[in-house]
Amino acid sequence: MAAQIKPSEFDGQSVIYVDKLKLQHSGVVVGQSQDEKWFFVQSDREDTELLQWHFKVARDVLPGVLVGR
């Protein structure tokens, strides 16, 4: 089932996120979940498949991973 995405106040902002496996992911916020608990990020890697979003970040984590904040 595809996630239902709605606009957020952070759309268009860059994110750098390091996951539990110490892999770095980067991209741009493209929206949030209907319950506003998750932000969806579209990867900025050139070798990624074109998708609506590639990974999500929890609301409480987002301030720490936004670039330039």
C-alpha atoms as a PDB file:
ATOM      1  CA  MET A   1       0.000   0.000   0.000  1.00  0.00           C
ATOM      2  CA  ALA A   2       1.414   3.392  -1.006  1.00  0.00           C
ATOM      3  CA  ALA A   3       1.783   6.064   1.636  1.00  0.00           C
ATOM      4  CA  GLN A   4      -0.607   8.982   1.502  1.00  0.00           C
ATOM      5  CA  ILE A   5       1.554  12.096   1.348  1.00  0.00           C
ATOM      6  CA  LYS A   6       0.423  15.604   2.191  1.00  0.00           C
ATOM      7  CA  PRO A   7       2.419  18.850   2.012  1.00  0.00           C
ATOM      8  CA  SER A   8       4.561  19.907   4.967  1.00  0.00           C
ATOM      9  CA  GLU A   9       6.216  23.103   6.141  1.00  0.00           C
ATOM     10  CA  PHE A  10       9.618  21.482   5.379  1.00  0.00           C
ATOM     11  CA  ASP A  11       8.980  20.570   1.714  1.00  0.00           C
ATOM     12  CA  GLY A  12      12.010  21.341  -0.424  1.00  0.00           C
ATOM     13  CA  GLN A  13      14.475  21.386   2.473  1.00  0.00           C
ATOM     14  CA  SER A  14      17.595  19.215   2.300  1.00  0.00           C
ATOM     15  CA  VAL A  15      18.194  16.315   4.678  1.00  0.00           C
ATOM     16  CA  ILE A  16      21.263  14.254   5.566  1.00  0.00           C
ATOM     17  CA  TYR A  17      20.337  11.172   7.575  1.00  0.00           C
ATOM     18  CA  VAL A  18      22.598   8.402   8.930  1.00  0.00           C
ATOM     19  CA  ASP A  19      20.740   5.138   9.592  1.00  0.00           C
ATOM     20  CA  LYS A  20      21.395   2.430  12.193  1.00  0.00           C
ATOM     21  CA  LEU A  21      23.829   0.707   9.822  1.00  0.00           C
ATOM     22  CA  LYS A  22      25.853   3.958   9.606  1.00  0.00           C
ATOM     23  CA  LEU A  23      24.833   4.479   5.973  1.00  0.00           C
ATOM     24  CA  GLN A  24      24.339   8.092   4.941  1.00  0.00           C
ATOM     25  CA  HIS A  25      21.238   9.095   2.988  1.00  0.00           C
ATOM     26  CA  SER A  26      20.507  12.532   1.583  1.00  0.00           C
ATOM     27  CA  GLY A  27      17.660  14.141  -0.246  1.00  0.00           C
ATOM     28  CA  VAL A  28      14.812  16.629  -0.117  1.00  0.00           C
ATOM     29  CA  VAL A  29      11.625  16.575   1.960  1.00  0.00           C
ATOM     30  CA  VAL A  30       8.635  15.995  -0.330  1.00  0.00           C
ATOM     31  CA  GLY A  31       5.813  15.763   2.205  1.00  0.00           C
ATOM     32  CA  GLN A  32       4.546  14.190   5.395  1.00  0.00           C
ATOM     33  CA  SER A  33       2.284  11.350   6.452  1.00  0.00           C
ATOM     34  CA  GLN A  34      -1.404  11.978   7.058  1.00  0.00           C
ATOM     35  CA  ASP A  35      -0.867  11.592  10.824  1.00  0.00           C
ATOM     36  CA  GLU A  36       2.105  14.031  10.619  1.00  0.00           C
ATOM     37  CA  LYS A  37       4.457  11.572  12.385  1.00  0.00           C
ATOM     38  CA  TRP A  38       6.760  10.995   9.382  1.00  0.00           C
ATOM     39  CA  PHE A  39       8.413  13.125   6.711  1.00  0.00           C
ATOM     40  CA  PHE A  40       9.046  11.566   3.311  1.00  0.00           C
ATOM     41  CA  VAL A  41      12.343  12.277   1.553  1.00  0.00           C
ATOM     42  CA  GLN A  42      13.213  11.856  -2.103  1.00  0.00           C
ATOM     43  CA  SER A  43      16.844  10.796  -2.503  1.00  0.00           C
ATOM     44  CA  ASP A  44      19.223  13.093  -4.352  1.00  0.00           C
ATOM     45  CA  ARG A  45      21.400  10.198  -5.553  1.00  0.00           C
ATOM     46  CA  GLU A  46      21.580  10.006  -9.330  1.00  0.00           C
ATOM     47  CA  ASP A  47      21.534   6.204  -9.342  1.00  0.00           C
ATOM     48  CA  THR A  48      18.201   5.849  -7.505  1.00  0.00           C
ATOM     49  CA  GLU A  49      15.008   4.719  -9.158  1.00  0.00           C
ATOM     50  CA  LEU A  50      12.560   7.554  -9.806  1.00  0.00           C
ATOM     51  CA  LEU A  51      10.025   7.243  -6.985  1.00  0.00           C
ATOM     52  CA  GLN A  52       7.717   9.615  -5.147  1.00  0.00           C
ATOM     53  CA  TRP A  53       9.886   9.134  -2.021  1.00  0.00           C
ATOM     54  CA  HIS A  54      12.800   6.899  -0.937  1.00  0.00           C
ATOM     55  CA  PHE A  55      13.003   7.047   2.860  1.00  0.00           C
ATOM     56  CA  LYS A  56      11.161   8.561   5.777  1.00  0.00           C
ATOM     57  CA  VAL A  57      12.284  10.407   8.891  1.00  0.00           C
ATOM     58  CA  ALA A  58      10.343  10.651  12.155  1.00  0.00           C
ATOM     59  CA  ARG A  59       9.068  14.086  13.174  1.00  0.00           C
ATOM     60  CA  ASP A  60      11.190  14.167  16.334  1.00  0.00           C
ATOM     61  CA  VAL A  61      14.365  13.327  14.323  1.00  0.00           C
ATOM     62  CA  LEU A  62      13.847  15.800  11.473  1.00  0.00           C
ATOM     63  CA  PRO A  63      15.247  18.933  13.171  1.00  0.00           C
ATOM     64  CA  GLY A  64      18.559  17.134  13.711  1.00  0.00           C
ATOM     65  CA  VAL A  65      18.943  16.024  10.098  1.00  0.00           C
ATOM     66  CA  LEU A  66      17.875  19.145   8.199  1.00  0.00           C
ATOM     67  CA  VAL A  67      20.796  20.769   6.383  1.00  0.00           C
ATOM     68  CA  GLY A  68      21.448  24.392   7.303  1.00  0.00           C
ATOM     69  CA  ARG A  69      19.433  24.388  10.512  1.00  0.00           C
END
